[in-house]
Amino acid sequence: MDPRIFAFLIIATTLEAFGDAIVRLGINEAAWVPRCSLFLAGAFLLFGYGFSLNLAPIEFSRVVGLYIATLFVVWQIVNLIVFRTVPDLPILLGGALITAGGFIVTFWR
C-alpha cells in the first residue's frame, strides 16, 4: 500500500477523533463563549477530516477496512490524551477484532 494513503488515513482519523473529543468537551461546558469556541473548533476539525479523507489518492471503498481499524486505534489514543481513559480488557479485545477485520477487508484478495 502506498505510504501516502496511510498518511491520509492517519490525518483523517486524527482530525475526526480530536474533533469529536472537542465537541464532547463543548457539550459539557456551561459558559457560552467557551462552549461555542469548542463547538467551532470541533466543527473545523471534523470538516478537515472529511476534506482530507476525500483528497486521498484512492477510492474510499478500497481502504474502508483499514480506515476503521486506524480510527479505532486513534480514538483510543485521543481518549487517553483528552479524557485520561485507559482502555480496559473488553475494549482491547474488541479493538483487536476490529483491527483484524479491517486488515482482512483491506488486504485479502
C-alpha atoms as a PDB file:
ATOM      1  CA  MET A   1       0.000   0.000   0.000  1.00  0.00           C
ATOM      2  CA  ASP A   2       1.202   3.486  -0.877  1.00  0.00           C
ATOM      3  CA  PRO A   3       2.505   5.269   2.271  1.00  0.00           C
ATOM      4  CA  ARG A   4       0.656   8.428   1.163  1.00  0.00           C
ATOM      5  CA  ILE A   5      -2.648   6.612   1.583  1.00  0.00           C
ATOM      6  CA  PHE A   6      -1.733   5.551   5.112  1.00  0.00           C
ATOM      7  CA  ALA A   7      -0.712   9.173   5.850  1.00  0.00           C
ATOM      8  CA  PHE A   8      -4.134  10.374   4.658  1.00  0.00           C
ATOM      9  CA  LEU A   9      -5.791   7.795   6.928  1.00  0.00           C
ATOM     10  CA  ILE A  10      -3.761   8.916   9.944  1.00  0.00           C
ATOM     11  CA  ILE A  11      -4.518  12.588   9.259  1.00  0.00           C
ATOM     12  CA  ALA A  12      -8.231  11.965   8.706  1.00  0.00           C
ATOM     13  CA  THR A  13      -8.698   9.737  11.750  1.00  0.00           C
ATOM     14  CA  THR A  14      -6.742  12.127  13.970  1.00  0.00           C
ATOM     15  CA  LEU A  15      -8.862  15.072  12.846  1.00  0.00           C
ATOM     16  CA  GLU A  16     -12.056  13.053  13.325  1.00  0.00           C
ATOM     17  CA  ALA A  17     -11.166  11.758  16.789  1.00  0.00           C
ATOM     18  CA  PHE A  18      -9.940  15.126  18.108  1.00  0.00           C
ATOM     19  CA  GLY A  19     -12.912  16.919  16.513  1.00  0.00           C
ATOM     20  CA  ASP A  20     -15.305  14.533  18.231  1.00  0.00           C
ATOM     21  CA  ALA A  21     -13.488  14.895  21.576  1.00  0.00           C
ATOM     22  CA  ILE A  22     -13.591  18.705  21.376  1.00  0.00           C
ATOM     23  CA  VAL A  23     -17.320  18.670  20.595  1.00  0.00           C
ATOM     24  CA  ARG A  24     -17.840  16.410  23.635  1.00  0.00           C
ATOM     25  CA  LEU A  25     -15.908  18.899  25.759  1.00  0.00           C
ATOM     26  CA  GLY A  26     -18.138  21.673  24.404  1.00  0.00           C
ATOM     27  CA  ILE A  27     -21.301  19.795  25.289  1.00  0.00           C
ATOM     28  CA  ASN A  28     -20.161  19.622  28.914  1.00  0.00           C
ATOM     29  CA  GLU A  29     -19.159  23.307  29.065  1.00  0.00           C
ATOM     30  CA  ALA A  30     -21.711  25.561  30.802  1.00  0.00           C
ATOM     31  CA  ALA A  31     -20.409  29.004  29.782  1.00  0.00           C
ATOM     32  CA  TRP A  32     -21.476  30.126  26.307  1.00  0.00           C
ATOM     33  CA  VAL A  33     -18.230  31.610  24.985  1.00  0.00           C
ATOM     34  CA  PRO A  34     -16.046  28.562  25.741  1.00  0.00           C
ATOM     35  CA  ARG A  35     -18.854  26.253  24.619  1.00  0.00           C
ATOM     36  CA  CYS A  36     -19.259  27.987  21.245  1.00  0.00           C
ATOM     37  CA  SER A  37     -15.479  28.151  20.825  1.00  0.00           C
ATOM     38  CA  LEU A  38     -15.181  24.408  21.409  1.00  0.00           C
ATOM     39  CA  PHE A  39     -18.047  23.714  19.007  1.00  0.00           C
ATOM     40  CA  LEU A  40     -16.403  25.834  16.311  1.00  0.00           C
ATOM     41  CA  ALA A  41     -13.019  24.190  16.853  1.00  0.00           C
ATOM     42  CA  GLY A  42     -14.643  20.743  16.720  1.00  0.00           C
ATOM     43  CA  ALA A  43     -16.563  21.640  13.570  1.00  0.00           C
ATOM     44  CA  PHE A  44     -13.362  22.911  11.945  1.00  0.00           C
ATOM     45  CA  LEU A  45     -11.532  19.651  12.739  1.00  0.00           C
ATOM     46  CA  LEU A  46     -14.454  17.498  11.581  1.00  0.00           C
ATOM     47  CA  PHE A  47     -14.607  19.447   8.318  1.00  0.00           C
ATOM     48  CA  GLY A  48     -10.849  18.894   7.972  1.00  0.00           C
ATOM     49  CA  TYR A  49     -11.425  15.171   8.446  1.00  0.00           C
ATOM     50  CA  GLY A  50     -13.993  14.986   5.663  1.00  0.00           C
ATOM     51  CA  PHE A  51     -11.964  17.200   3.373  1.00  0.00           C
ATOM     52  CA  SER A  52      -8.668  15.342   3.869  1.00  0.00           C
ATOM     53  CA  LEU A  53     -10.274  11.935   3.504  1.00  0.00           C
ATOM     54  CA  ASN A  54     -11.792  12.934   0.181  1.00  0.00           C
ATOM     55  CA  LEU A  55      -8.400  14.141  -1.055  1.00  0.00           C
ATOM     56  CA  ALA A  56      -6.858  10.704  -0.571  1.00  0.00           C
ATOM     57  CA  PRO A  57      -5.425   9.347  -3.833  1.00  0.00           C
ATOM     58  CA  ILE A  58      -7.564   6.194  -3.713  1.00  0.00           C
ATOM     59  CA  GLU A  59     -11.238   5.279  -3.753  1.00  0.00           C
ATOM     60  CA  PHE A  60     -12.530   5.172  -0.157  1.00  0.00           C
ATOM     61  CA  SER A  61     -14.218   1.786  -0.619  1.00  0.00           C
ATOM     62  CA  ARG A  62     -10.772   0.242  -1.148  1.00  0.00           C
ATOM     63  CA  VAL A  63      -9.429   1.350   2.257  1.00  0.00           C
ATOM     64  CA  VAL A  64     -12.557   1.463   4.415  1.00  0.00           C
ATOM     65  CA  GLY A  65     -11.443  -1.562   6.471  1.00  0.00           C
ATOM     66  CA  LEU A  66      -8.061  -0.037   7.211  1.00  0.00           C
ATOM     67  CA  TYR A  67      -9.774   3.290   7.949  1.00  0.00           C
ATOM     68  CA  ILE A  68     -11.982   1.707  10.620  1.00  0.00           C
ATOM     69  CA  ALA A  69      -9.014  -0.120  12.176  1.00  0.00           C
ATOM     70  CA  THR A  70      -6.942   3.084  12.192  1.00  0.00           C
ATOM     71  CA  LEU A  71      -9.866   5.072  13.583  1.00  0.00           C
ATOM     72  CA  PHE A  72     -10.263   2.648  16.486  1.00  0.00           C
ATOM     73  CA  VAL A  73      -6.587   2.941  17.435  1.00  0.00           C
ATOM     74  CA  VAL A  74      -6.531   6.742  17.095  1.00  0.00           C
ATOM     75  CA  TRP A  75      -9.763   7.070  19.106  1.00  0.00           C
ATOM     76  CA  GLN A  76      -8.187   5.130  21.963  1.00  0.00           C
ATOM     77  CA  ILE A  77      -5.090   7.350  21.883  1.00  0.00           C
ATOM     78  CA  VAL A  78      -7.213  10.529  21.834  1.00  0.00           C
ATOM     79  CA  ASN A  79      -9.418   9.153  24.622  1.00  0.00           C
ATOM     80  CA  LEU A  80      -6.291   8.580  26.697  1.00  0.00           C
ATOM     81  CA  ILE A  81      -4.867  12.059  25.954  1.00  0.00           C
ATOM     82  CA  VAL A  82      -8.054  14.130  26.295  1.00  0.00           C
ATOM     83  CA  PHE A  83     -10.148  12.203  28.820  1.00  0.00           C
ATOM     84  CA  ARG A  84      -7.419  10.198  30.615  1.00  0.00           C
ATOM     85  CA  THR A  85      -9.365   6.991  29.972  1.00  0.00           C
ATOM     86  CA  VAL A  86      -7.251   3.847  29.757  1.00  0.00           C
ATOM     87  CA  PRO A  87      -8.851   1.143  27.584  1.00  0.00           C
ATOM     88  CA  ASP A  88      -9.885  -1.904  29.591  1.00  0.00           C
ATOM     89  CA  LEU A  89      -9.689  -5.549  28.529  1.00  0.00           C
ATOM     90  CA  PRO A  90     -13.028  -5.694  26.636  1.00  0.00           C
ATOM     91  CA  ILE A  91     -12.055  -2.608  24.628  1.00  0.00           C
ATOM     92  CA  LEU A  92      -8.622  -4.049  23.859  1.00  0.00           C
ATOM     93  CA  LEU A  93     -10.051  -7.435  22.823  1.00  0.00           C
ATOM     94  CA  GLY A  94     -12.830  -5.859  20.771  1.00  0.00           C
ATOM     95  CA  GLY A  95     -10.295  -3.488  19.250  1.00  0.00           C
ATOM     96  CA  ALA A  96      -8.108  -6.418  18.260  1.00  0.00           C
ATOM     97  CA  LEU A  97     -11.097  -7.898  16.418  1.00  0.00           C
ATOM     98  CA  ILE A  98     -11.892  -4.548  14.771  1.00  0.00           C
ATOM     99  CA  THR A  99      -8.282  -4.160  13.694  1.00  0.00           C
ATOM    100  CA  ALA A 100      -8.037  -7.740  12.428  1.00  0.00           C
ATOM    101  CA  GLY A 101     -11.289  -7.278  10.499  1.00  0.00           C
ATOM    102  CA  GLY A 102     -10.006  -4.040   8.990  1.00  0.00           C
ATOM    103  CA  PHE A 103      -6.869  -5.752   7.758  1.00  0.00           C
ATOM    104  CA  ILE A 104      -8.899  -8.663   6.332  1.00  0.00           C
ATOM    105  CA  VAL A 105     -11.243  -6.312   4.468  1.00  0.00           C
ATOM    106  CA  THR A 106      -8.350  -4.244   3.103  1.00  0.00           C
ATOM    107  CA  PHE A 107      -5.708  -6.809   2.230  1.00  0.00           C
ATOM    108  CA  TRP A 108      -7.495 -10.106   1.498  1.00  0.00           C
ATOM    109  CA  ARG A 109      -7.616 -10.550  -2.267  1.00  0.00           C
END
